[in-house]
């Protein structure tokens, strides 16, 4: 068997144009590619009848972030909370979490100010414009 290797972390959004600036401008990830996919093979693969997707791939260090907007749009979910089973988040490291926090625009929602846990890691959780959770940490 071939051992899988990480390729990307996908985040489904309802409006890619409103979310992309958060990852590109605030987190400063480079946009690698933008494209659309549709057709029977795609719809079958994602198990969504007549599905089409608009994608943006961004470089985030050693991981690629894939933003995808589907048509048709599925049912909206409740605001994600970290302690709910099935909750997801994506995490990124920074060398200075206090400087990162200070540089955030006022409109970026955070769950708290940076906190240092008993493990010695400082963490900060943000919400992107569609309330997806993003963890920023300093080890």
Protein backbone atom coordinates (compact mmCIF):
# COMPACT_ATOMS: atom_id res chain seq x y z
CA UNK A 1 0.00 0.00 0.00
CA UNK A 2 1.20 3.52 -0.79
CA UNK A 3 1.50 5.71 2.31
CA UNK A 4 -0.62 8.87 1.97
CA UNK A 5 1.11 12.24 2.35
CA UNK A 6 -0.61 15.45 3.38
CA UNK A 7 -1.62 17.64 0.45
CA UNK A 8 -4.04 20.25 1.85
CA UNK A 9 -6.56 21.21 4.51
CA UNK A 10 -9.94 22.05 3.02
CA UNK A 11 -12.37 24.62 4.36
CA UNK A 12 -15.84 24.81 2.80
CA UNK A 13 -17.19 28.36 2.69
CA UNK A 14 -20.41 29.91 1.44
CA UNK A 15 -18.73 32.95 -0.18
CA UNK A 16 -15.12 32.50 -1.24
CA UNK A 17 -14.74 36.19 -2.16
CA UNK A 18 -15.57 37.31 1.39
CA UNK A 19 -13.32 34.72 3.08
CA UNK A 20 -10.27 34.80 0.80
CA UNK A 21 -9.05 38.25 2.01
CA UNK A 22 -8.83 36.92 5.59
CA UNK A 23 -6.39 34.16 4.62
CA UNK A 24 -4.57 36.19 1.94
CA UNK A 25 -4.35 39.64 3.58
CA UNK A 26 -4.60 39.08 7.34
CA UNK A 27 -2.77 35.74 7.62
CA UNK A 28 -0.59 36.71 4.63
CA UNK A 29 -0.84 33.39 2.77
CA UNK A 30 0.07 33.46 -0.91
CA UNK A 31 -2.63 32.45 -3.37
CA UNK A 32 -1.19 29.57 -5.39
CA UNK A 33 -4.12 28.85 -7.65
CA UNK A 34 -7.79 29.63 -8.31
CA UNK A 35 -10.01 27.34 -10.37
CA UNK A 36 -13.45 25.83 -10.77
CA UNK A 37 -14.49 22.20 -11.12
CA UNK A 38 -17.83 20.72 -12.19
CA UNK A 39 -19.19 17.77 -14.12
CA UNK A 40 -20.43 14.30 -13.38
CA UNK A 41 -17.11 12.92 -12.10
CA UNK A 42 -16.76 15.76 -9.57
CA UNK A 43 -20.41 15.47 -8.44
CA UNK A 44 -20.00 11.71 -7.98
CA UNK A 45 -16.69 12.10 -6.12
CA UNK A 46 -18.10 14.60 -3.58
CA UNK A 47 -21.52 12.86 -3.47
CA UNK A 48 -23.42 16.09 -4.19
CA UNK A 49 -25.80 15.95 -7.17
CA UNK A 50 -24.88 18.50 -9.88
CA UNK A 51 -22.03 19.84 -7.74
CA UNK A 52 -19.66 22.54 -8.90
CA UNK A 53 -16.85 24.03 -6.86
CA UNK A 54 -14.91 27.26 -6.91
CA UNK A 55 -11.49 26.80 -5.31
CA UNK A 56 -8.60 28.88 -3.99
CA UNK A 57 -5.35 27.22 -2.87
CA UNK A 58 -3.12 29.17 -0.52
CA UNK A 59 0.40 28.45 0.70
CA UNK A 60 0.63 28.35 4.48
CA UNK A 61 4.19 27.21 5.11
CA UNK A 62 4.25 23.42 4.99
CA UNK A 63 0.51 23.08 4.35
CA UNK A 64 -1.79 24.15 1.56
CA UNK A 65 -5.15 25.65 2.53
CA UNK A 66 -7.97 24.90 0.14
CA UNK A 67 -10.99 27.19 0.27
CA UNK A 68 -13.95 25.80 -1.65
CA UNK A 69 -17.37 27.25 -2.39
CA UNK A 70 -19.91 24.67 -3.56
CA UNK A 71 -22.95 25.06 -5.76
CA UNK A 72 -25.48 23.99 -4.77
CA UNK A 73 -24.83 25.27 -1.26
CA UNK A 74 -25.58 22.87 1.58
CA UNK A 75 -27.37 23.62 4.83
CA UNK A 76 -25.62 26.13 7.08
CA UNK A 77 -24.23 24.70 10.31
CA UNK A 78 -24.27 26.18 13.77
CA UNK A 79 -21.34 28.33 14.85
CA UNK A 80 -18.54 25.86 15.60
CA UNK A 81 -17.50 25.47 19.22
CA UNK A 82 -14.29 23.61 20.00
CA UNK A 83 -15.83 21.19 22.49
CA UNK A 84 -18.52 19.87 20.10
CA UNK A 85 -17.81 16.43 18.65
CA UNK A 86 -16.91 16.85 14.99
CA UNK A 87 -15.63 20.38 15.49
CA UNK A 88 -12.65 21.26 13.34
CA UNK A 89 -10.01 23.95 13.24
CA UNK A 90 -6.80 24.60 11.40
CA UNK A 91 -3.66 25.61 13.31
CA UNK A 92 -0.70 27.77 12.34
CA UNK A 93 2.45 28.67 14.27
CA UNK A 94 4.04 32.09 14.62
CA UNK A 95 7.35 33.07 16.25
CA UNK A 96 5.77 35.85 18.38
CA UNK A 97 2.09 35.43 19.24
CA UNK A 98 1.83 38.76 21.07
CA UNK A 99 3.13 40.65 18.03
CA UNK A 100 0.77 38.69 15.79
CA UNK A 101 -2.17 39.48 18.08
CA UNK A 102 -1.26 43.18 18.19
CA UNK A 103 -1.16 43.28 14.38
CA UNK A 104 -4.69 41.93 13.91
CA UNK A 105 -7.27 44.36 12.53
CA UNK A 106 -10.04 45.24 15.01
CA UNK A 107 -12.66 43.41 12.94
CA UNK A 108 -10.99 40.00 13.41
CA UNK A 109 -12.91 38.05 16.05
CA UNK A 110 -10.83 36.21 18.65
CA UNK A 111 -12.05 33.86 21.38
CA UNK A 112 -9.64 35.47 23.87
CA UNK A 113 -6.29 37.18 24.04
CA UNK A 114 -3.26 34.87 23.70
CA UNK A 115 -3.02 32.45 26.61
CA UNK A 116 -0.10 30.24 27.67
CA UNK A 117 -1.32 26.77 28.59
CA UNK A 118 0.25 24.46 31.14
CA UNK A 119 2.06 22.73 28.26
CA UNK A 120 4.02 25.97 27.71
CA UNK A 121 2.38 26.68 24.35
CA UNK A 122 0.72 30.05 23.81
CA UNK A 123 -2.51 29.82 21.84
CA UNK A 124 -4.97 32.21 20.22
CA UNK A 125 -8.17 31.26 18.41
CA UNK A 126 -9.62 33.41 15.63
CA UNK A 127 -12.75 33.13 13.54
CA UNK A 128 -12.58 33.75 9.81
CA UNK A 129 -15.42 35.81 8.23
CA UNK A 130 -17.65 32.71 8.16
CA UNK A 131 -16.77 31.77 11.76
CA UNK A 132 -14.47 28.87 10.90
CA UNK A 133 -11.98 28.39 13.74
CA UNK A 134 -8.30 29.16 13.21
CA UNK A 135 -5.71 28.48 15.92
CA UNK A 136 -2.48 30.46 16.05
CA UNK A 137 0.19 29.17 18.40
CA UNK A 138 3.69 29.88 19.65
CA UNK A 139 5.64 26.98 21.10
